[in-house]
Amino acid sequence: MAPVARQVRLSTKGQVVLPLEVRKRMGLKPGDRLVVVGEDDIATLMTPKRYAESLRGAAGGTYGKGRAEIDAYVRRERRTWPR
């Protein structure tokens, strides 16, 4: 399905109304929560689940490449905690 692009107006309270077609495509209902990701001149709206999926694996390898390396990292960090 092709993306939907519509122009909306920002209210004095910083609110926007999502076009009906966008709400239907995303399956949104009143009260649903959205995540807004802003960068420079781009704002992206996502459902929390979609946002979580987009971050999956982003920190992969940061603390080790396997269970043993990650466990060793955690043990080293815990040794630095004040007692």
Protein backbone atom coordinates (compact mmCIF):
# COMPACT_ATOMS: atom_id res chain seq x y z
CA MET A 1 0.00 0.00 0.00
CA ALA A 2 1.34 3.44 -0.88
CA PRO A 3 1.99 5.90 1.97
CA VAL A 4 -0.62 8.55 2.73
CA ALA A 5 0.58 12.16 2.81
CA ARG A 6 -1.78 14.88 4.02
CA GLN A 7 -1.09 18.38 5.26
CA VAL A 8 -2.39 19.13 8.77
CA ARG A 9 -2.35 22.29 10.87
CA LEU A 10 -0.70 22.63 14.27
CA SER A 11 -3.04 24.25 16.82
CA THR A 12 -1.96 26.88 19.33
CA LYS A 13 -1.87 24.05 21.89
CA GLY A 14 0.52 22.02 19.70
CA GLN A 15 -2.17 19.56 18.66
CA VAL A 16 -2.78 18.00 15.25
CA VAL A 17 -5.68 15.96 13.92
CA LEU A 18 -4.64 12.80 12.11
CA PRO A 19 -6.57 12.36 8.87
CA LEU A 20 -9.24 9.66 8.96
CA GLU A 21 -7.47 7.60 6.29
CA VAL A 22 -4.29 7.53 8.38
CA ARG A 23 -6.19 6.55 11.54
CA LYS A 24 -7.97 3.75 9.68
CA ARG A 25 -4.78 2.39 8.12
CA MET A 26 -3.04 2.38 11.50
CA GLY A 27 -6.10 0.94 13.26
CA LEU A 28 -6.14 3.83 15.74
CA LYS A 29 -8.99 4.52 18.14
CA PRO A 30 -9.62 7.42 20.53
CA GLY A 31 -7.34 7.09 23.55
CA ASP A 32 -4.66 5.05 21.74
CA ARG A 33 -1.09 6.06 22.52
CA LEU A 34 1.47 6.99 19.89
CA VAL A 35 5.22 7.55 19.98
CA VAL A 36 6.48 10.70 18.28
CA VAL A 37 10.07 10.61 17.08
CA GLY A 38 11.43 13.97 15.97
CA GLU A 39 14.67 14.65 14.14
CA ASP A 40 15.51 17.93 12.43
CA ASP A 41 12.52 18.63 10.17
CA ILE A 42 10.97 15.13 10.31
CA ALA A 43 8.40 13.85 12.82
CA THR A 44 7.40 10.19 12.73
CA LEU A 45 4.35 8.74 14.51
CA MET A 46 4.39 5.09 15.52
CA THR A 47 2.43 2.82 17.78
CA PRO A 48 4.48 1.81 20.86
CA LYS A 49 4.75 -1.77 19.55
CA ARG A 50 6.10 -0.59 16.20
CA TYR A 51 8.56 1.72 17.99
CA ALA A 52 9.81 -1.14 20.15
CA GLU A 53 10.23 -3.31 17.05
CA SER A 54 12.20 -0.55 15.32
CA LEU A 55 14.67 -0.50 18.24
CA ARG A 56 15.10 -4.26 18.45
CA GLY A 57 18.76 -5.17 18.17
CA ALA A 58 19.96 -1.55 18.18
CA ALA A 59 22.34 -2.19 21.08
CA GLY A 60 23.35 -5.67 19.91
CA GLY A 61 26.91 -6.51 20.88
CA THR A 62 27.29 -3.50 23.18
CA TYR A 63 27.82 -5.62 26.28
CA GLY A 64 29.21 -8.75 24.66
CA LYS A 65 28.62 -11.16 21.82
CA GLY A 66 27.18 -14.03 23.79
CA ARG A 67 25.69 -15.00 27.12
CA ALA A 68 29.10 -15.64 28.73
CA GLU A 69 30.51 -12.25 27.68
CA ILE A 70 27.39 -10.41 28.81
CA ASP A 71 27.39 -12.21 32.19
CA ALA A 72 31.08 -11.34 32.65
CA TYR A 73 30.34 -7.69 31.83
CA VAL A 74 27.51 -7.59 34.41
CA ARG A 75 29.74 -9.17 37.07
CA ARG A 76 32.47 -6.55 36.43
CA GLU A 77 29.94 -3.72 36.63
CA ARG A 78 28.43 -5.04 39.88
CA ARG A 79 31.89 -5.11 41.49
CA THR A 80 32.08 -1.32 40.99
CA TRP A 81 28.83 -0.67 42.89
CA PRO A 82 29.30 0.84 46.37
CA ARG A 83 28.54 -1.51 49.22
